[in-house]
Amino acid sequence: MDIRVLRYFIEVVQLNGFSRAADALFITQPAISRSIKKLEDELGTVLLIREVDGVKLTDDGAILYEHAKQILAQFNSMNKALNDKDEPLTGALNVGLPPVIASTYFADIIMAFSSRHPNVELKIFELGTKQMEDAMLEGTVETAAVMLPFNDKDFELTIFSEDHLMLLVAQSHPLAKDKKVNFKQLITERFIFFSEDFRINDLVRSACGIYNTEPQIVGRSNHLDLIIAMVKAGVGITLLPNSMCNKYPIDDLVVIPITSPRLSYQLALATNQNSYQSRSCQAWNKLAIEKLMKENI
């Protein structure tokens, strides 16, 4: 089985079409069609069904697709290992950082890493927990910071901090005068959430579950600035990490501690235990652990 054909197959599925995959791979559509037909003949099964608006995986195609992604990730990992030399670090390093902790914990680390290794292109992927896990398993992201719990079967996790959520309200909100709030006071409030994939949302839902209720969500965004703007406008309330509120005070908003329950969580660095770590990745992790642990002594 040719590794190139697996790459073609993955591109056709992900881009939902032979012509789009051909454009992305800079080859002709007939060449991709012939390659995938040969793959189907080799495996003795139909993998893709052409439809008017794209392609559809068969049951066997879905099985191959999941395995092909892992095979390609391992192949790319092997190439990195073979090409990694004892020379100044170059190339690209893909790092995953959730937006709510990126600037709080990693701004200084990013600056220090870029200063030490100026020839490495640092690519930051701001993803939620589930997206982060998928990206790391596929090899799109090599190392990441994650909120626990996280998949500890496939990933090595190094805990570097513990944090908790604080309530943010507009100055005109009735709770703005309180020194602290019990979470029960929030169950009838209107919440502004991050997108569905973010673990912070799960903490809020779990706390609401204690009182047999679901949070009333009136807005969502991946962008912190937009969430803060909606809170300032009185659209709803939101909950953000205490570390972020301390490091970057937010004008025109009131930050209030939450009790009963205190919404705590741990943060960790994650690397795929089954993939080769490039020298750039090793250098990043060493620097990150060094600085993060020093800050938490």
C-alpha atoms as a PDB file:
ATOM      1  CA  MET A   1       0.000   0.000   0.000  1.00  0.00           C
ATOM      2  CA  ASP A   2       1.453   3.346  -1.106  1.00  0.00           C
ATOM      3  CA  ILE A   3       1.527   6.018   1.603  1.00  0.00           C
ATOM      4  CA  ARG A   4       0.764   8.616  -1.072  1.00  0.00           C
ATOM      5  CA  VAL A   5      -2.550   6.935  -1.849  1.00  0.00           C
ATOM      6  CA  LEU A   6      -3.541   7.130   1.818  1.00  0.00           C
ATOM      7  CA  ARG A   7      -2.733  10.840   1.723  1.00  0.00           C
ATOM      8  CA  TYR A   8      -4.903  11.229  -1.391  1.00  0.00           C
ATOM      9  CA  PHE A   9      -7.732   9.313   0.288  1.00  0.00           C
ATOM     10  CA  ILE A  10      -7.596  11.471   3.430  1.00  0.00           C
ATOM     11  CA  GLU A  11      -7.592  14.687   1.384  1.00  0.00           C
ATOM     12  CA  VAL A  12     -10.607  13.577  -0.668  1.00  0.00           C
ATOM     13  CA  VAL A  13     -12.556  12.820   2.530  1.00  0.00           C
ATOM     14  CA  GLN A  14     -11.529  15.960   4.404  1.00  0.00           C
ATOM     15  CA  LEU A  15     -12.102  18.279   1.432  1.00  0.00           C
ATOM     16  CA  ASN A  16     -15.264  16.381   0.400  1.00  0.00           C
ATOM     17  CA  GLY A  17     -14.380  15.960  -3.254  1.00  0.00           C
ATOM     18  CA  PHE A  18     -11.874  14.666  -5.792  1.00  0.00           C
ATOM     19  CA  SER A  19     -11.399  17.982  -7.598  1.00  0.00           C
ATOM     20  CA  ARG A  20     -10.799  19.936  -4.377  1.00  0.00           C
ATOM     21  CA  ALA A  21      -8.283  17.315  -3.225  1.00  0.00           C
ATOM     22  CA  ALA A  22      -6.540  17.456  -6.609  1.00  0.00           C
ATOM     23  CA  ASP A  23      -6.196  21.245  -6.335  1.00  0.00           C
ATOM     24  CA  ALA A  24      -4.820  20.992  -2.787  1.00  0.00           C
ATOM     25  CA  LEU A  25      -2.306  18.292  -3.743  1.00  0.00           C
ATOM     26  CA  PHE A  26      -1.340  19.897  -7.083  1.00  0.00           C
ATOM     27  CA  ILE A  27      -2.083  16.751  -9.096  1.00  0.00           C
ATOM     28  CA  THR A  28      -4.774  15.900 -11.617  1.00  0.00           C
ATOM     29  CA  GLN A  29      -8.180  14.617 -10.628  1.00  0.00           C
ATOM     30  CA  PRO A  30      -7.884  11.499 -12.858  1.00  0.00           C
ATOM     31  CA  ALA A  31      -4.636  10.603 -11.059  1.00  0.00           C
ATOM     32  CA  ILE A  32      -6.393  10.694  -7.687  1.00  0.00           C
ATOM     33  CA  SER A  33      -9.364   8.731  -9.031  1.00  0.00           C
ATOM     34  CA  ARG A  34      -7.084   6.021 -10.455  1.00  0.00           C
ATOM     35  CA  SER A  35      -5.102   5.791  -7.219  1.00  0.00           C
ATOM     36  CA  ILE A  36      -8.180   5.375  -5.020  1.00  0.00           C
ATOM     37  CA  LYS A  37      -9.736   2.867  -7.466  1.00  0.00           C
ATOM     38  CA  LYS A  38      -6.497   0.860  -7.281  1.00  0.00           C
ATOM     39  CA  LEU A  39      -6.666   1.038  -3.475  1.00  0.00           C
ATOM     40  CA  GLU A  40     -10.257  -0.226  -3.508  1.00  0.00           C
ATOM     41  CA  ASP A  41      -9.246  -3.097  -5.810  1.00  0.00           C
ATOM     42  CA  GLU A  42      -6.317  -3.922  -3.530  1.00  0.00           C
ATOM     43  CA  LEU A  43      -8.563  -4.014  -0.448  1.00  0.00           C
ATOM     44  CA  GLY A  44     -11.459  -5.658  -2.257  1.00  0.00           C
ATOM     45  CA  THR A  45     -14.053  -3.147  -1.098  1.00  0.00           C
ATOM     46  CA  VAL A  46     -15.695   0.165  -2.013  1.00  0.00           C
ATOM     47  CA  LEU A  47     -14.390   3.044   0.097  1.00  0.00           C
ATOM     48  CA  LEU A  48     -16.130   6.125  -1.300  1.00  0.00           C
ATOM     49  CA  ILE A  49     -19.476   6.891  -2.899  1.00  0.00           C
ATOM     50  CA  ARG A  50     -19.614   9.926  -5.173  1.00  0.00           C
ATOM     51  CA  GLU A  51     -22.575  12.230  -4.533  1.00  0.00           C
ATOM     52  CA  VAL A  52     -23.777  15.448  -6.141  1.00  0.00           C
ATOM     53  CA  ASP A  53     -22.347  17.627  -3.362  1.00  0.00           C
ATOM     54  CA  GLY A  54     -19.207  15.611  -2.605  1.00  0.00           C
ATOM     55  CA  VAL A  55     -18.312  12.128  -1.402  1.00  0.00           C
ATOM     56  CA  LYS A  56     -19.627   9.757   1.250  1.00  0.00           C
ATOM     57  CA  LEU A  57     -17.627   7.145   3.155  1.00  0.00           C
ATOM     58  CA  THR A  58     -18.822   3.557   3.147  1.00  0.00           C
ATOM     59  CA  ASP A  59     -18.561   1.575   6.395  1.00  0.00           C
ATOM     60  CA  ASP A  60     -15.245   0.115   5.198  1.00  0.00           C
ATOM     61  CA  GLY A  61     -14.129   3.559   4.065  1.00  0.00           C
ATOM     62  CA  ALA A  62     -14.782   4.977   7.532  1.00  0.00           C
ATOM     63  CA  ILE A  63     -12.621   2.245   9.081  1.00  0.00           C
ATOM     64  CA  LEU A  64      -9.783   2.926   6.642  1.00  0.00           C
ATOM     65  CA  TYR A  65     -10.078   6.697   7.170  1.00  0.00           C
ATOM     66  CA  GLU A  66      -9.494   6.423  10.931  1.00  0.00           C
ATOM     67  CA  HIS A  67      -6.529   4.080  10.477  1.00  0.00           C
ATOM     68  CA  ALA A  68      -5.113   6.085   7.573  1.00  0.00           C
ATOM     69  CA  LYS A  69      -4.946   9.248   9.701  1.00  0.00           C
ATOM     70  CA  GLN A  70      -2.944   7.367  12.347  1.00  0.00           C
ATOM     71  CA  ILE A  71      -0.661   5.763   9.732  1.00  0.00           C
ATOM     72  CA  LEU A  72       0.038   9.141   8.119  1.00  0.00           C
ATOM     73  CA  ALA A  73       0.735  10.726  11.517  1.00  0.00           C
ATOM     74  CA  GLN A  74       3.203   7.928  12.306  1.00  0.00           C
ATOM     75  CA  PHE A  75       4.819   8.292   8.873  1.00  0.00           C
ATOM     76  CA  ASN A  76       5.274  12.040   9.387  1.00  0.00           C
ATOM     77  CA  SER A  77       6.656  11.364  12.851  1.00  0.00           C
ATOM     78  CA  MET A  78       9.164   8.897  11.379  1.00  0.00           C
ATOM     79  CA  ASN A  79      10.291  11.439   8.804  1.00  0.00           C
ATOM     80  CA  LYS A  80      10.812  14.034  11.528  1.00  0.00           C
ATOM     81  CA  ALA A  81      12.934  11.565  13.480  1.00  0.00           C
ATOM     82  CA  LEU A  82      15.054  10.700  10.428  1.00  0.00           C
ATOM     83  CA  ASN A  83      15.554  14.318   9.389  1.00  0.00           C
ATOM     84  CA  ASP A  84      16.191  15.751  12.838  1.00  0.00           C
ATOM     85  CA  LYS A  85      19.898  16.584  12.958  1.00  0.00           C
ATOM     86  CA  ASP A  86      22.228  18.035  15.572  1.00  0.00           C
ATOM     87  CA  GLU A  87      22.031  21.477  14.007  1.00  0.00           C
ATOM     88  CA  PRO A  88      20.399  24.787  15.018  1.00  0.00           C
ATOM     89  CA  LEU A  89      16.661  24.296  15.329  1.00  0.00           C
ATOM     90  CA  THR A  90      14.682  25.170  12.207  1.00  0.00           C
ATOM     91  CA  GLY A  91      11.328  24.362  10.662  1.00  0.00           C
ATOM     92  CA  ALA A  92       7.897  24.735  12.217  1.00  0.00           C
ATOM     93  CA  LEU A  93       6.612  23.750  15.661  1.00  0.00           C
ATOM     94  CA  ASN A  94       2.854  23.430  16.112  1.00  0.00           C
ATOM     95  CA  VAL A  95       1.785  24.184  19.687  1.00  0.00           C
ATOM     96  CA  GLY A  96      -1.773  23.909  21.017  1.00  0.00           C
ATOM     97  CA  LEU A  97      -2.887  26.487  23.592  1.00  0.00           C
ATOM     98  CA  PRO A  98      -6.469  27.056  24.793  1.00  0.00           C
ATOM     99  CA  PRO A  99      -7.310  30.774  24.420  1.00  0.00           C
ATOM    100  CA  VAL A 100      -8.218  31.162  28.112  1.00  0.00           C
ATOM    101  CA  ILE A 101      -4.720  30.222  29.270  1.00  0.00           C
ATOM    102  CA  ALA A 102      -2.495  31.129  26.318  1.00  0.00           C
ATOM    103  CA  SER A 103      -1.689  34.719  27.241  1.00  0.00           C
ATOM    104  CA  THR A 104      -1.774  34.119  31.010  1.00  0.00           C
ATOM    105  CA  TYR A 105       0.814  31.353  31.176  1.00  0.00           C
ATOM    106  CA  PHE A 106       2.605  31.286  27.828  1.00  0.00           C
ATOM    107  CA  ALA A 107       3.265  34.850  26.627  1.00  0.00           C
ATOM    108  CA  ASP A 108       6.705  34.936  28.302  1.00  0.00           C
ATOM    109  CA  ILE A 109       7.475  31.362  27.178  1.00  0.00           C
ATOM    110  CA  ILE A 110       6.697  32.212  23.557  1.00  0.00           C
ATOM    111  CA  MET A 111       8.969  35.261  23.700  1.00  0.00           C
ATOM    112  CA  ALA A 112      11.801  33.297  25.350  1.00  0.00           C
ATOM    113  CA  PHE A 113      11.542  30.406  22.892  1.00  0.00           C
ATOM    114  CA  SER A 114      11.537  32.717  19.858  1.00  0.00           C
ATOM    115  CA  SER A 115      14.575  34.520  21.256  1.00  0.00           C
ATOM    116  CA  ARG A 116      16.515  31.278  21.796  1.00  0.00           C
ATOM    117  CA  HIS A 117      15.438  29.631  18.536  1.00  0.00           C
ATOM    118  CA  PRO A 118      14.800  32.421  16.002  1.00  0.00           C
ATOM    119  CA  ASN A 119      14.798  30.032  13.020  1.00  0.00           C
ATOM    120  CA  VAL A 120      11.848  28.006  14.304  1.00  0.00           C
ATOM    121  CA  GLU A 121       8.435  29.082  13.039  1.00  0.00           C
ATOM    122  CA  LEU A 122       6.139  28.834  16.055  1.00  0.00           C
ATOM    123  CA  LYS A 123       2.529  28.103  15.067  1.00  0.00           C
ATOM    124  CA  ILE A 124      -0.045  28.485  17.841  1.00  0.00           C
ATOM    125  CA  PHE A 125      -3.315  26.552  17.525  1.00  0.00           C
ATOM    126  CA  GLU A 126      -6.084  27.862  19.798  1.00  0.00           C
ATOM    127  CA  LEU A 127      -8.385  24.867  20.211  1.00  0.00           C
ATOM    128  CA  GLY A 128     -10.868  23.410  22.665  1.00  0.00           C
ATOM    129  CA  THR A 129     -10.178  20.168  24.528  1.00  0.00           C
ATOM    130  CA  LYS A 130     -11.732  17.676  22.073  1.00  0.00           C
ATOM    131  CA  GLN A 131     -10.295  19.443  19.032  1.00  0.00           C
ATOM    132  CA  MET A 132      -6.892  19.519  20.753  1.00  0.00           C
ATOM    133  CA  GLU A 133      -6.922  15.764  21.366  1.00  0.00           C
ATOM    134  CA  ASP A 134      -7.873  15.038  17.748  1.00  0.00           C
ATOM    135  CA  ALA A 135      -5.222  17.413  16.408  1.00  0.00           C
ATOM    136  CA  MET A 136      -2.520  15.779  18.533  1.00  0.00           C
ATOM    137  CA  LEU A 137      -3.542  12.241  17.565  1.00  0.00           C
ATOM    138  CA  GLU A 138      -3.455  13.252  13.900  1.00  0.00           C
ATOM    139  CA  GLY A 139      -0.063  14.941  14.327  1.00  0.00           C
ATOM    140  CA  THR A 140      -1.305  18.440  13.457  1.00  0.00           C
ATOM    141  CA  VAL A 141      -0.286  19.639  16.932  1.00  0.00           C
ATOM    142  CA  GLU A 142       2.919  18.290  18.481  1.00  0.00           C
ATOM    143  CA  THR A 143       2.658  19.590  22.041  1.00  0.00           C
ATOM    144  CA  ALA A 144      -0.097  21.383  23.943  1.00  0.00           C
ATOM    145  CA  ALA A 145      -1.361  22.802  27.211  1.00  0.00           C
ATOM    146  CA  VAL A 146      -4.656  21.245  28.275  1.00  0.00           C
ATOM    147  CA  MET A 147      -7.215  21.415  31.035  1.00  0.00           C
ATOM    148  CA  LEU A 148      -7.634  18.170  32.982  1.00  0.00           C
ATOM    149  CA  PRO A 149      -9.160  15.641  32.834  1.00  0.00           C
ATOM    150  CA  PHE A 150      -7.524  14.697  29.528  1.00  0.00           C
ATOM    151  CA  ASN A 151      -6.723  11.446  27.734  1.00  0.00           C
ATOM    152  CA  ASP A 152      -3.903   9.951  29.850  1.00  0.00           C
ATOM    153  CA  LYS A 153      -3.804   6.703  27.847  1.00  0.00           C
ATOM    154  CA  ASP A 154      -2.236   8.214  24.734  1.00  0.00           C
ATOM    155  CA  PHE A 155      -0.658  11.324  26.247  1.00  0.00           C
ATOM    156  CA  GLU A 156       2.026  12.059  28.812  1.00  0.00           C
ATOM    157  CA  LEU A 157       0.698  14.773  31.113  1.00  0.00           C
ATOM    158  CA  THR A 158       2.802  17.103  33.257  1.00  0.00           C
ATOM    159  CA  ILE A 159       0.669  19.142  35.656  1.00  0.00           C
ATOM    160  CA  PHE A 160       1.929  22.718  36.015  1.00  0.00           C
ATOM    161  CA  SER A 161      -0.836  24.665  37.752  1.00  0.00           C
ATOM    162  CA  GLU A 162      -4.219  24.616  39.461  1.00  0.00           C
ATOM    163  CA  ASP A 163      -6.751  27.349  38.837  1.00  0.00           C
ATOM    164  CA  HIS A 164     -10.402  28.162  39.485  1.00  0.00           C
ATOM    165  CA  LEU A 165     -13.145  30.171  37.829  1.00  0.00           C
ATOM    166  CA  MET A 166     -14.303  33.636  38.848  1.00  0.00           C
ATOM    167  CA  LEU A 167     -17.561  35.375  38.034  1.00  0.00           C
ATOM    168  CA  LEU A 168     -17.463  38.417  35.760  1.00  0.00           C
ATOM    169  CA  VAL A 169     -20.443  40.795  35.647  1.00  0.00           C
ATOM    170  CA  ALA A 170     -21.138  44.297  34.391  1.00  0.00           C
ATOM    171  CA  GLN A 171     -20.965  47.077  36.990  1.00  0.00           C
ATOM    172  CA  SER A 172     -24.728  47.540  36.687  1.00  0.00           C
ATOM    173  CA  HIS A 173     -25.486  43.886  37.472  1.00  0.00           C
ATOM    174  CA  PRO A 174     -27.317  43.213  40.803  1.00  0.00           C
ATOM    175  CA  LEU A 175     -24.497  40.882  41.937  1.00  0.00           C
ATOM    176  CA  ALA A 176     -21.780  43.496  41.311  1.00  0.00           C
ATOM    177  CA  LYS A 177     -21.958  44.729  44.922  1.00  0.00           C
ATOM    178  CA  ASP A 178     -21.384  41.243  46.436  1.00  0.00           C
ATOM    179  CA  LYS A 179     -18.002  40.248  47.850  1.00  0.00           C
ATOM    180  CA  LYS A 180     -18.600  36.598  46.896  1.00  0.00           C
ATOM    181  CA  VAL A 181     -21.442  34.532  45.468  1.00  0.00           C
ATOM    182  CA  ASN A 182     -22.757  31.030  45.999  1.00  0.00           C
ATOM    183  CA  PHE A 183     -23.080  29.224  42.675  1.00  0.00           C
ATOM    184  CA  LYS A 184     -26.767  28.621  43.447  1.00  0.00           C
ATOM    185  CA  GLN A 185     -27.273  32.365  42.937  1.00  0.00           C
ATOM    186  CA  LEU A 186     -26.189  31.935  39.299  1.00  0.00           C
ATOM    187  CA  ILE A 187     -28.462  29.144  38.103  1.00  0.00           C
ATOM    188  CA  THR A 188     -31.095  31.593  36.808  1.00  0.00           C
ATOM    189  CA  GLU A 189     -28.533  33.885  35.178  1.00  0.00           C
ATOM    190  CA  ARG A 190     -27.876  34.213  31.442  1.00  0.00           C
ATOM    191  CA  PHE A 191     -24.452  32.774  30.551  1.00  0.00           C
ATOM    192  CA  ILE A 192     -22.013  33.688  27.807  1.00  0.00           C
ATOM    193  CA  PHE A 193     -19.969  30.582  26.939  1.00  0.00           C
ATOM    194  CA  PHE A 194     -16.964  29.720  24.863  1.00  0.00           C
ATOM    195  CA  SER A 195     -17.654  27.404  21.903  1.00  0.00           C
ATOM    196  CA  GLU A 196     -19.025  23.945  22.655  1.00  0.00           C
ATOM    197  CA  ASP A 197     -15.621  22.235  22.767  1.00  0.00           C
ATOM    198  CA  PHE A 198     -14.174  24.134  25.735  1.00  0.00           C
ATOM    199  CA  ARG A 199     -13.773  22.403  29.111  1.00  0.00           C
ATOM    200  CA  ILE A 200     -14.771  25.535  31.089  1.00  0.00           C
ATOM    201  CA  ASN A 201     -18.300  25.006  29.798  1.00  0.00           C
ATOM    202  CA  ASP A 202     -18.314  21.510  31.328  1.00  0.00           C
ATOM    203  CA  LEU A 203     -17.408  22.907  34.745  1.00  0.00           C
ATOM    204  CA  VAL A 204     -20.359  25.288  34.632  1.00  0.00           C
ATOM    205  CA  ARG A 205     -22.728  22.567  33.443  1.00  0.00           C
ATOM    206  CA  SER A 206     -21.564  20.242  36.231  1.00  0.00           C
ATOM    207  CA  ALA A 207     -22.168  22.932  38.848  1.00  0.00           C
ATOM    208  CA  CYS A 208     -25.645  23.584  37.439  1.00  0.00           C
ATOM    209  CA  GLY A 209     -26.288  19.845  37.567  1.00  0.00           C
ATOM    210  CA  ILE A 210     -25.936  19.921  41.346  1.00  0.00           C
ATOM    211  CA  TYR A 211     -29.146  21.958  41.352  1.00  0.00           C
ATOM    212  CA  ASN A 212     -30.807  19.836  38.624  1.00  0.00           C
ATOM    213  CA  THR A 213     -30.736  22.625  36.082  1.00  0.00           C
ATOM    214  CA  GLU A 214     -29.059  23.536  32.799  1.00  0.00           C
ATOM    215  CA  PRO A 215     -27.286  26.859  32.176  1.00  0.00           C
ATOM    216  CA  GLN A 216     -29.230  29.381  30.107  1.00  0.00           C
ATOM    217  CA  ILE A 217     -26.793  30.221  27.297  1.00  0.00           C
ATOM    218  CA  VAL A 218     -27.389  33.502  25.460  1.00  0.00           C
ATOM    219  CA  GLY A 219     -24.097  33.802  23.597  1.00  0.00           C
ATOM    220  CA  ARG A 220     -21.003  31.898  22.498  1.00  0.00           C
ATOM    221  CA  SER A 221     -17.660  32.878  21.055  1.00  0.00           C
ATOM    222  CA  ASN A 222     -14.105  31.591  20.682  1.00  0.00           C
ATOM    223  CA  HIS A 223     -12.847  35.146  21.114  1.00  0.00           C
ATOM    224  CA  LEU A 224     -12.270  36.402  24.639  1.00  0.00           C
ATOM    225  CA  ASP A 225     -12.601  40.061  23.613  1.00  0.00           C
ATOM    226  CA  LEU A 226     -16.080  39.426  22.228  1.00  0.00           C
ATOM    227  CA  ILE A 227     -17.178  37.532  25.352  1.00  0.00           C
ATOM    228  CA  ILE A 228     -15.998  40.414  27.556  1.00  0.00           C
ATOM    229  CA  ALA A 229     -17.734  42.932  25.294  1.00  0.00           C
ATOM    230  CA  MET A 230     -21.029  41.046  25.636  1.00  0.00           C
ATOM    231  CA  VAL A 231     -20.692  40.979  29.435  1.00  0.00           C
ATOM    232  CA  LYS A 232     -19.953  44.716  29.493  1.00  0.00           C
ATOM    233  CA  ALA A 233     -23.067  45.301  27.375  1.00  0.00           C
ATOM    234  CA  GLY A 234     -25.168  43.453  29.927  1.00  0.00           C
ATOM    235  CA  VAL A 235     -26.038  40.542  27.608  1.00  0.00           C
ATOM    236  CA  GLY A 236     -25.102  38.035  30.313  1.00  0.00           C
ATOM    237  CA  ILE A 237     -22.452  36.875  32.767  1.00  0.00           C
ATOM    238  CA  THR A 238     -19.378  34.735  32.208  1.00  0.00           C
ATOM    239  CA  LEU A 239     -16.815  32.750  34.201  1.00  0.00           C
ATOM    240  CA  LEU A 240     -13.093  33.063  33.547  1.00  0.00           C
ATOM    241  CA  PRO A 241      -9.888  31.747  35.204  1.00  0.00           C
ATOM    242  CA  ASN A 242      -8.717  33.558  38.331  1.00  0.00           C
ATOM    243  CA  SER A 243      -5.145  33.644  36.963  1.00  0.00           C
ATOM    244  CA  MET A 244      -6.290  35.579  33.906  1.00  0.00           C
ATOM    245  CA  CYS A 245      -8.372  38.027  35.950  1.00  0.00           C
ATOM    246  CA  ASN A 246      -5.372  38.704  38.222  1.00  0.00           C
ATOM    247  CA  LYS A 247      -2.849  39.144  35.424  1.00  0.00           C
ATOM    248  CA  TYR A 248      -5.033  41.197  33.097  1.00  0.00           C
ATOM    249  CA  PRO A 249      -7.567  43.292  35.084  1.00  0.00           C
ATOM    250  CA  ILE A 250     -10.618  44.041  32.961  1.00  0.00           C
ATOM    251  CA  ASP A 251     -11.971  47.607  33.078  1.00  0.00           C
ATOM    252  CA  ASP A 252     -15.697  48.158  33.630  1.00  0.00           C
ATOM    253  CA  LEU A 253     -16.280  44.588  34.875  1.00  0.00           C
ATOM    254  CA  VAL A 254     -16.552  43.302  38.439  1.00  0.00           C
ATOM    255  CA  VAL A 255     -14.739  40.067  39.322  1.00  0.00           C
ATOM    256  CA  ILE A 256     -16.319  38.044  42.132  1.00  0.00           C
ATOM    257  CA  PRO A 257     -15.181  34.776  43.802  1.00  0.00           C
ATOM    258  CA  ILE A 258     -17.553  31.808  43.552  1.00  0.00           C
ATOM    259  CA  THR A 259     -18.184  29.448  46.469  1.00  0.00           C
ATOM    260  CA  SER A 260     -20.121  26.213  46.955  1.00  0.00           C
ATOM    261  CA  PRO A 261     -18.818  24.742  44.744  1.00  0.00           C
ATOM    262  CA  ARG A 262     -15.472  26.330  43.960  1.00  0.00           C
ATOM    263  CA  LEU A 263     -14.935  25.546  40.285  1.00  0.00           C
ATOM    264  CA  SER A 264     -11.319  24.330  40.299  1.00  0.00           C
ATOM    265  CA  TYR A 265      -9.287  22.493  37.675  1.00  0.00           C
ATOM    266  CA  GLN A 266      -5.682  21.531  36.869  1.00  0.00           C
ATOM    267  CA  LEU A 267      -3.600  22.455  33.837  1.00  0.00           C
ATOM    268  CA  ALA A 268      -1.001  20.209  32.222  1.00  0.00           C
ATOM    269  CA  LEU A 269       1.432  20.001  29.328  1.00  0.00           C
ATOM    270  CA  ALA A 270       0.515  17.131  27.001  1.00  0.00           C
ATOM    271  CA  THR A 271       2.603  15.201  24.476  1.00  0.00           C
ATOM    272  CA  ASN A 272       1.682  12.135  22.443  1.00  0.00           C
ATOM    273  CA  GLN A 273       3.372   9.088  23.985  1.00  0.00           C
ATOM    274  CA  ASN A 274       3.256   7.222  20.663  1.00  0.00           C
ATOM    275  CA  SER A 275       4.892   9.863  18.470  1.00  0.00           C
ATOM    276  CA  TYR A 276       8.439  11.057  18.021  1.00  0.00           C
ATOM    277  CA  GLN A 277       9.148  14.436  19.591  1.00  0.00           C
ATOM    278  CA  SER A 278      11.188  16.728  17.376  1.00  0.00           C
ATOM    279  CA  ARG A 279      14.104  18.604  18.888  1.00  0.00           C
ATOM    280  CA  SER A 280      12.046  21.791  18.654  1.00  0.00           C
ATOM    281  CA  CYS A 281       9.252  20.136  20.628  1.00  0.00           C
ATOM    282  CA  GLN A 282      11.702  18.880  23.252  1.00  0.00           C
ATOM    283  CA  ALA A 283      13.205  22.369  23.564  1.00  0.00           C
ATOM    284  CA  TRP A 284       9.749  23.939  23.932  1.00  0.00           C
ATOM    285  CA  ASN A 285       8.655  21.460  26.602  1.00  0.00           C
ATOM    286  CA  LYS A 286      11.883  21.849  28.570  1.00  0.00           C
ATOM    287  CA  LEU A 287      11.581  25.651  28.536  1.00  0.00           C
ATOM    288  CA  ALA A 288       7.862  25.576  29.367  1.00  0.00           C
ATOM    289  CA  ILE A 289       8.280  23.219  32.325  1.00  0.00           C
ATOM    290  CA  GLU A 290      11.256  25.211  33.596  1.00  0.00           C
ATOM    291  CA  LYS A 291       9.360  28.523  33.557  1.00  0.00           C
ATOM    292  CA  LEU A 292       5.955  27.204  34.644  1.00  0.00           C
ATOM    293  CA  MET A 293       7.310  25.255  37.573  1.00  0.00           C
ATOM    294  CA  LYS A 294       9.440  28.232  38.670  1.00  0.00           C
ATOM    295  CA  GLU A 295       6.351  30.462  38.681  1.00  0.00           C
ATOM    296  CA  ASN A 296       4.450  27.989  40.877  1.00  0.00           C
ATOM    297  CA  ILE A 297       7.147  27.411  43.511  1.00  0.00           C
END
